[in-house]
Amino acid sequence: MNSELVYLLLTAILTGLLWIPVVIGYVKTRGPLSDESYRVAPSDPLPPWVNRANRAHQNAVENFAPFAAVVLVGQAMGVHTSLTATCAAVYFFARLAHALVHISGTGLLKARTLLFTIGWIAFIVYAIALLRRVL
């Protein structure tokens, strides 16, 4: 397995694990699920960190499919370069740091926006590297 696929796998694992803090926050705040909570969603407020964790998970889910598509298309094309490997690594580590910063709620240096942008640029550079092969 090449490094692009390893980072795709790590990104999938990260995305799949980001719901865990949300569930912990829900249970700590609202207690275990009851029969009633299956019929009517609880509406009592959640701590800010739980809402941030939920948004971090949603953001990861929304951004996973485009990254996965680019990596898998690159694999189908047989493209494996130092540029694509670097882009995949940068994307994963930017997404990991983005999730941690998002959940923490720090606004220091607009880190969340900066990390999101770094990941997005890595994705775009990867996609352009593939497009240059076919256009």
N, C-alpha and C. Protein backbone atom coordinates (compact mmCIF):
# COMPACT_ATOMS: atom_id res chain seq x y z
N MET A 1 0.86 -1.17 0.00
CA MET A 1 0.00 0.00 0.00
C MET A 1 0.90 1.23 0.00
N ASN A 2 0.64 2.15 -0.91
CA ASN A 2 1.48 3.35 -0.96
C ASN A 2 1.01 4.38 0.06
N SER A 3 1.82 5.43 0.22
CA SER A 3 1.55 6.39 1.30
C SER A 3 0.24 7.15 1.11
N GLU A 4 -0.16 7.41 -0.14
CA GLU A 4 -1.43 8.10 -0.35
C GLU A 4 -2.59 7.28 0.22
N LEU A 5 -2.56 5.97 -0.01
CA LEU A 5 -3.62 5.12 0.53
C LEU A 5 -3.53 5.00 2.05
N VAL A 6 -2.33 5.01 2.59
CA VAL A 6 -2.18 4.98 4.05
C VAL A 6 -2.82 6.23 4.65
N TYR A 7 -2.55 7.39 4.07
CA TYR A 7 -3.13 8.63 4.60
C TYR A 7 -4.63 8.70 4.36
N LEU A 8 -5.11 8.10 3.29
CA LEU A 8 -6.55 8.01 3.09
C LEU A 8 -7.17 7.14 4.18
N LEU A 9 -6.54 6.02 4.48
CA LEU A 9 -7.02 5.14 5.55
C LEU A 9 -7.01 5.86 6.89
N LEU A 10 -5.92 6.56 7.20
CA LEU A 10 -5.84 7.30 8.46
C LEU A 10 -6.90 8.39 8.54
N THR A 11 -7.17 9.05 7.42
CA THR A 11 -8.21 10.08 7.39
C THR A 11 -9.58 9.45 7.61
N ALA A 12 -9.82 8.28 7.03
CA ALA A 12 -11.09 7.58 7.24
C ALA A 12 -11.23 7.19 8.71
N ILE A 13 -10.18 6.70 9.32
CA ILE A 13 -10.23 6.32 10.74
C ILE A 13 -10.49 7.55 11.60
N LEU A 14 -9.78 8.63 11.34
CA LEU A 14 -10.01 9.88 12.08
C LEU A 14 -11.46 10.31 11.96
N THR A 15 -11.97 10.34 10.75
CA THR A 15 -13.36 10.76 10.52
C THR A 15 -14.32 9.84 11.26
N GLY A 16 -14.05 8.55 11.23
CA GLY A 16 -14.91 7.59 11.90
C GLY A 16 -14.84 7.65 13.41
N LEU A 17 -13.77 8.20 13.96
CA LEU A 17 -13.63 8.29 15.41
C LEU A 17 -14.13 9.61 15.99
N LEU A 18 -14.30 10.62 15.15
CA LEU A 18 -14.65 11.94 15.67
C LEU A 18 -16.05 12.03 16.27
N TRP A 19 -16.89 11.04 16.06
CA TRP A 19 -18.21 11.07 16.69
C TRP A 19 -18.13 10.70 18.17
N ILE A 20 -17.05 10.03 18.59
CA ILE A 20 -16.96 9.54 19.97
C ILE A 20 -17.01 10.68 21.00
N PRO A 21 -16.26 11.77 20.84
CA PRO A 21 -16.40 12.86 21.82
C PRO A 21 -17.83 13.42 21.87
N VAL A 22 -18.50 13.43 20.75
CA VAL A 22 -19.88 13.93 20.71
C VAL A 22 -20.77 13.05 21.59
N VAL A 23 -20.67 11.76 21.41
CA VAL A 23 -21.50 10.83 22.19
C VAL A 23 -21.17 10.93 23.68
N ILE A 24 -19.89 11.03 24.00
CA ILE A 24 -19.50 11.18 25.40
C ILE A 24 -20.13 12.44 25.98
N GLY A 25 -20.07 13.53 25.23
CA GLY A 25 -20.66 14.78 25.70
C GLY A 25 -22.17 14.70 25.87
N TYR A 26 -22.84 14.02 24.93
CA TYR A 26 -24.29 13.85 25.03
C TYR A 26 -24.64 13.07 26.29
N VAL A 27 -23.95 11.96 26.52
CA VAL A 27 -24.26 11.10 27.66
C VAL A 27 -23.92 11.80 28.98
N LYS A 28 -22.78 12.49 29.03
CA LYS A 28 -22.41 13.21 30.25
C LYS A 28 -23.42 14.30 30.57
N THR A 29 -23.97 14.94 29.54
CA THR A 29 -24.89 16.05 29.75
C THR A 29 -26.33 15.59 29.95
N ARG A 30 -26.77 14.63 29.17
CA ARG A 30 -28.19 14.25 29.15
C ARG A 30 -28.47 12.88 29.74
N GLY A 31 -27.43 12.15 30.06
CA GLY A 31 -27.61 10.81 30.58
C GLY A 31 -27.81 9.82 29.45
N PRO A 32 -27.93 8.53 29.79
CA PRO A 32 -28.14 7.51 28.76
C PRO A 32 -29.44 7.73 28.01
N LEU A 33 -29.50 7.22 26.80
CA LEU A 33 -30.72 7.34 26.00
C LEU A 33 -31.89 6.65 26.69
N SER A 34 -33.04 7.26 26.54
CA SER A 34 -34.26 6.66 27.06
C SER A 34 -35.18 6.36 25.89
N ASP A 35 -36.26 5.61 26.16
CA ASP A 35 -37.24 5.34 25.10
C ASP A 35 -37.79 6.63 24.54
N GLU A 36 -38.04 7.60 25.40
CA GLU A 36 -38.60 8.89 24.96
C GLU A 36 -37.64 9.64 24.04
N SER A 37 -36.34 9.54 24.31
CA SER A 37 -35.38 10.29 23.49
C SER A 37 -35.28 9.72 22.08
N TYR A 38 -35.77 8.51 21.86
CA TYR A 38 -35.84 7.97 20.50
C TYR A 38 -37.01 8.55 19.74
N ARG A 39 -38.05 8.94 20.47
CA ARG A 39 -39.25 9.51 19.82
C ARG A 39 -39.11 11.01 19.61
N VAL A 40 -38.59 11.70 20.63
CA VAL A 40 -38.44 13.15 20.56
C VAL A 40 -37.01 13.48 20.97
N ALA A 41 -36.30 14.11 20.08
CA ALA A 41 -34.90 14.44 20.37
C ALA A 41 -34.82 15.38 21.56
N PRO A 42 -33.89 15.13 22.47
CA PRO A 42 -33.72 16.04 23.62
C PRO A 42 -33.36 17.44 23.13
N SER A 43 -33.83 18.43 23.85
CA SER A 43 -33.56 19.81 23.42
C SER A 43 -32.81 20.61 24.46
N ASP A 44 -32.47 19.99 25.60
CA ASP A 44 -31.73 20.75 26.59
C ASP A 44 -30.34 21.07 26.04
N PRO A 45 -29.82 22.23 26.39
CA PRO A 45 -28.56 22.69 25.79
C PRO A 45 -27.38 21.78 26.13
N LEU A 46 -26.45 21.76 25.21
CA LEU A 46 -25.21 20.99 25.38
C LEU A 46 -24.08 21.97 25.67
N PRO A 47 -23.03 21.50 26.35
CA PRO A 47 -21.87 22.37 26.56
C PRO A 47 -21.26 22.77 25.22
N PRO A 48 -20.66 23.94 25.16
CA PRO A 48 -20.07 24.40 23.90
C PRO A 48 -19.09 23.41 23.28
N TRP A 49 -18.30 22.71 24.08
CA TRP A 49 -17.32 21.78 23.51
C TRP A 49 -18.00 20.63 22.78
N VAL A 50 -19.18 20.23 23.25
CA VAL A 50 -19.90 19.15 22.57
C VAL A 50 -20.40 19.63 21.20
N ASN A 51 -20.90 20.85 21.16
CA ASN A 51 -21.32 21.42 19.87
C ASN A 51 -20.14 21.57 18.92
N ARG A 52 -19.00 21.98 19.46
CA ARG A 52 -17.81 22.10 18.61
C ARG A 52 -17.36 20.73 18.11
N ALA A 53 -17.41 19.73 18.98
CA ALA A 53 -17.03 18.37 18.58
C ALA A 53 -17.96 17.87 17.48
N ASN A 54 -19.23 18.15 17.60
CA ASN A 54 -20.19 17.74 16.57
C ASN A 54 -19.89 18.44 15.24
N ARG A 55 -19.59 19.74 15.30
CA ARG A 55 -19.25 20.46 14.07
C ARG A 55 -17.95 19.95 13.46
N ALA A 56 -16.98 19.61 14.32
CA ALA A 56 -15.71 19.06 13.81
C ALA A 56 -15.95 17.74 13.09
N HIS A 57 -16.81 16.91 13.64
CA HIS A 57 -17.15 15.63 13.00
C HIS A 57 -17.86 15.87 11.67
N GLN A 58 -18.85 16.75 11.68
CA GLN A 58 -19.58 17.05 10.44
C GLN A 58 -18.65 17.59 9.37
N ASN A 59 -17.74 18.48 9.77
CA ASN A 59 -16.79 19.05 8.82
C ASN A 59 -15.89 17.97 8.24
N ALA A 60 -15.45 17.05 9.08
CA ALA A 60 -14.60 15.95 8.60
C ALA A 60 -15.35 15.07 7.61
N VAL A 61 -16.60 14.77 7.91
CA VAL A 61 -17.42 13.95 7.00
C VAL A 61 -17.60 14.66 5.66
N GLU A 62 -17.91 15.94 5.71
CA GLU A 62 -18.13 16.71 4.47
C GLU A 62 -16.89 16.78 3.60
N ASN A 63 -15.72 16.80 4.21
CA ASN A 63 -14.48 16.95 3.45
C ASN A 63 -13.83 15.63 3.08
N PHE A 64 -14.31 14.54 3.65
CA PHE A 64 -13.69 13.24 3.37
C PHE A 64 -13.92 12.78 1.94
N ALA A 65 -15.14 12.87 1.44
CA ALA A 65 -15.46 12.32 0.11
C ALA A 65 -14.62 12.94 -1.01
N PRO A 66 -14.48 14.27 -1.08
CA PRO A 66 -13.65 14.81 -2.15
C PRO A 66 -12.19 14.35 -2.07
N PHE A 67 -11.64 14.30 -0.85
CA PHE A 67 -10.26 13.84 -0.69
C PHE A 67 -10.15 12.37 -1.11
N ALA A 68 -11.08 11.55 -0.65
CA ALA A 68 -11.05 10.12 -1.00
C ALA A 68 -11.15 9.94 -2.51
N ALA A 69 -12.02 10.70 -3.15
CA ALA A 69 -12.19 10.59 -4.59
C ALA A 69 -10.88 10.90 -5.32
N VAL A 70 -10.22 11.96 -4.91
CA VAL A 70 -8.96 12.35 -5.57
C VAL A 70 -7.90 11.27 -5.36
N VAL A 71 -7.78 10.76 -4.14
CA VAL A 71 -6.78 9.72 -3.88
C VAL A 71 -7.09 8.47 -4.70
N LEU A 72 -8.34 8.06 -4.72
CA LEU A 72 -8.70 6.84 -5.44
C LEU A 72 -8.57 7.00 -6.96
N VAL A 73 -8.90 8.17 -7.48
CA VAL A 73 -8.69 8.43 -8.91
C VAL A 73 -7.20 8.38 -9.21
N GLY A 74 -6.39 8.98 -8.35
CA GLY A 74 -4.93 8.92 -8.54
C GLY A 74 -4.43 7.48 -8.56
N GLN A 75 -4.98 6.65 -7.69
CA GLN A 75 -4.59 5.24 -7.67
C GLN A 75 -5.00 4.55 -8.97
N ALA A 76 -6.21 4.83 -9.43
CA ALA A 76 -6.69 4.22 -10.68
C ALA A 76 -5.83 4.66 -11.87
N MET A 77 -5.33 5.91 -11.80
CA MET A 77 -4.48 6.42 -12.87
C MET A 77 -3.04 5.93 -12.75
N GLY A 78 -2.70 5.33 -11.62
CA GLY A 78 -1.33 4.90 -11.39
C GLY A 78 -0.40 6.04 -11.05
N VAL A 79 -0.95 7.13 -10.53
CA VAL A 79 -0.12 8.29 -10.18
C VAL A 79 0.28 8.19 -8.72
N HIS A 80 1.57 8.11 -8.51
CA HIS A 80 2.15 8.08 -7.16
C HIS A 80 3.46 8.84 -7.25
N THR A 81 3.43 10.09 -6.84
CA THR A 81 4.63 10.94 -6.91
C THR A 81 4.94 11.48 -5.52
N SER A 82 6.08 12.10 -5.39
CA SER A 82 6.40 12.72 -4.10
C SER A 82 5.41 13.85 -3.80
N LEU A 83 4.91 14.52 -4.85
CA LEU A 83 3.92 15.58 -4.65
C LEU A 83 2.60 15.02 -4.12
N THR A 84 2.10 13.95 -4.72
CA THR A 84 0.82 13.39 -4.26
C THR A 84 0.97 12.79 -2.86
N ALA A 85 2.11 12.18 -2.59
CA ALA A 85 2.35 11.63 -1.25
C ALA A 85 2.40 12.74 -0.21
N THR A 86 3.08 13.82 -0.54
CA THR A 86 3.16 14.96 0.38
C THR A 86 1.79 15.58 0.60
N CYS A 87 1.03 15.74 -0.47
CA CYS A 87 -0.32 16.32 -0.34
C CYS A 87 -1.20 15.47 0.57
N ALA A 88 -1.13 14.16 0.42
CA ALA A 88 -1.94 13.27 1.25
C ALA A 88 -1.52 13.39 2.71
N ALA A 89 -0.23 13.45 2.98
CA ALA A 89 0.25 13.58 4.36
C ALA A 89 -0.16 14.92 4.95
N VAL A 90 0.05 15.99 4.20
CA VAL A 90 -0.33 17.32 4.68
C VAL A 90 -1.82 17.37 4.96
N TYR A 91 -2.63 16.81 4.06
CA TYR A 91 -4.08 16.80 4.25
C TYR A 91 -4.44 16.11 5.57
N PHE A 92 -3.90 14.91 5.79
CA PHE A 92 -4.24 14.17 7.00
C PHE A 92 -3.84 14.95 8.25
N PHE A 93 -2.61 15.43 8.32
CA PHE A 93 -2.16 16.11 9.53
C PHE A 93 -2.89 17.44 9.74
N ALA A 94 -3.23 18.12 8.66
CA ALA A 94 -4.02 19.35 8.78
C ALA A 94 -5.41 19.03 9.32
N ARG A 95 -6.02 17.94 8.83
CA ARG A 95 -7.35 17.56 9.32
C ARG A 95 -7.30 17.12 10.78
N LEU A 96 -6.26 16.40 11.17
CA LEU A 96 -6.11 15.98 12.57
C LEU A 96 -5.99 17.21 13.47
N ALA A 97 -5.09 18.12 13.11
CA ALA A 97 -4.90 19.33 13.91
C ALA A 97 -6.17 20.19 13.89
N HIS A 98 -6.84 20.27 12.75
CA HIS A 98 -8.09 21.03 12.64
C HIS A 98 -9.11 20.51 13.63
N ALA A 99 -9.28 19.19 13.71
CA ALA A 99 -10.26 18.61 14.63
C ALA A 99 -9.90 18.94 16.08
N LEU A 100 -8.63 18.81 16.44
CA LEU A 100 -8.21 19.10 17.81
C LEU A 100 -8.44 20.57 18.17
N VAL A 101 -8.07 21.46 17.26
CA VAL A 101 -8.25 22.89 17.50
C VAL A 101 -9.74 23.23 17.54
N HIS A 102 -10.51 22.64 16.65
CA HIS A 102 -11.95 22.92 16.60
C HIS A 102 -12.61 22.52 17.92
N ILE A 103 -12.33 21.33 18.40
CA ILE A 103 -12.94 20.85 19.64
C ILE A 103 -12.46 21.67 20.83
N SER A 104 -11.20 22.06 20.83
CA SER A 104 -10.66 22.83 21.96
C SER A 104 -11.29 24.22 22.06
N GLY A 105 -11.69 24.77 20.92
CA GLY A 105 -12.31 26.09 20.92
C GLY A 105 -11.34 27.24 20.92
N THR A 106 -10.07 26.96 20.77
CA THR A 106 -9.09 28.05 20.76
C THR A 106 -9.26 28.90 19.50
N GLY A 107 -9.16 30.18 19.67
CA GLY A 107 -9.22 31.09 18.53
C GLY A 107 -7.85 31.66 18.21
N LEU A 108 -6.84 31.14 18.90
CA LEU A 108 -5.48 31.65 18.75
C LEU A 108 -5.01 31.60 17.30
N LEU A 109 -4.64 32.75 16.78
CA LEU A 109 -4.10 32.90 15.43
C LEU A 109 -5.04 32.37 14.34
N LYS A 110 -6.33 32.30 14.65
CA LYS A 110 -7.32 31.77 13.69
C LYS A 110 -6.88 30.39 13.20
N ALA A 111 -6.36 29.60 14.12
CA ALA A 111 -5.75 28.31 13.78
C ALA A 111 -6.71 27.38 13.05
N ARG A 112 -7.97 27.36 13.45
CA ARG A 112 -8.92 26.45 12.80
C ARG A 112 -9.05 26.78 11.32
N THR A 113 -9.21 28.04 11.01
CA THR A 113 -9.33 28.47 9.61
C THR A 113 -8.03 28.20 8.86
N LEU A 114 -6.93 28.49 9.49
CA LEU A 114 -5.62 28.25 8.86
C LEU A 114 -5.42 26.77 8.55
N LEU A 115 -5.73 25.91 9.50
CA LEU A 115 -5.56 24.46 9.29
C LEU A 115 -6.51 23.93 8.23
N PHE A 116 -7.75 24.42 8.24
CA PHE A 116 -8.70 24.02 7.19
C PHE A 116 -8.14 24.41 5.82
N THR A 117 -7.63 25.62 5.72
CA THR A 117 -7.10 26.12 4.45
C THR A 117 -5.89 25.31 4.00
N ILE A 118 -5.03 24.95 4.92
CA ILE A 118 -3.86 24.13 4.56
C ILE A 118 -4.32 22.79 3.99
N GLY A 119 -5.29 22.14 4.64
CA GLY A 119 -5.82 20.88 4.13
C GLY A 119 -6.47 21.04 2.77
N TRP A 120 -7.23 22.13 2.61
CA TRP A 120 -7.91 22.38 1.34
C TRP A 120 -6.89 22.61 0.22
N ILE A 121 -5.83 23.36 0.50
CA ILE A 121 -4.79 23.60 -0.51
C ILE A 121 -4.12 22.28 -0.89
N ALA A 122 -3.85 21.42 0.09
CA ALA A 122 -3.24 20.12 -0.22
C ALA A 122 -4.15 19.31 -1.14
N PHE A 123 -5.44 19.34 -0.86
CA PHE A 123 -6.42 18.65 -1.71
C PHE A 123 -6.41 19.22 -3.13
N ILE A 124 -6.44 20.54 -3.26
CA ILE A 124 -6.46 21.19 -4.58
C ILE A 124 -5.18 20.90 -5.36
N VAL A 125 -4.04 20.98 -4.70
CA VAL A 125 -2.77 20.70 -5.37
C VAL A 125 -2.75 19.25 -5.86
N TYR A 126 -3.23 18.34 -5.05
CA TYR A 126 -3.32 16.92 -5.43
C TYR A 126 -4.21 16.78 -6.66
N ALA A 127 -5.38 17.40 -6.64
CA ALA A 127 -6.31 17.30 -7.76
C ALA A 127 -5.71 17.89 -9.03
N ILE A 128 -5.04 19.02 -8.91
CA ILE A 128 -4.40 19.65 -10.08
C ILE A 128 -3.31 18.76 -10.64
N ALA A 129 -2.55 18.11 -9.76
CA ALA A 129 -1.50 17.19 -10.21
C ALA A 129 -2.10 16.07 -11.06
N LEU A 130 -3.28 15.59 -10.68
CA LEU A 130 -3.94 14.55 -11.48
C LEU A 130 -4.49 15.12 -12.78
N LEU A 131 -5.11 16.28 -12.70
CA LEU A 131 -5.67 16.89 -13.91
C LEU A 131 -4.61 17.20 -14.95
N ARG A 132 -3.43 17.57 -14.50
CA ARG A 132 -2.34 17.85 -15.44
C ARG A 132 -1.94 16.62 -16.23
N ARG A 133 -2.19 15.45 -15.67
CA ARG A 133 -1.88 14.19 -16.37
C ARG A 133 -2.87 13.87 -17.48
N VAL A 134 -4.08 14.39 -17.37
CA VAL A 134 -5.11 14.03 -18.35
C VAL A 134 -5.49 15.17 -19.29
N LEU A 135 -5.12 16.38 -18.96
CA LEU A 135 -5.49 17.52 -19.84
C LEU A 135 -4.34 17.94 -20.72
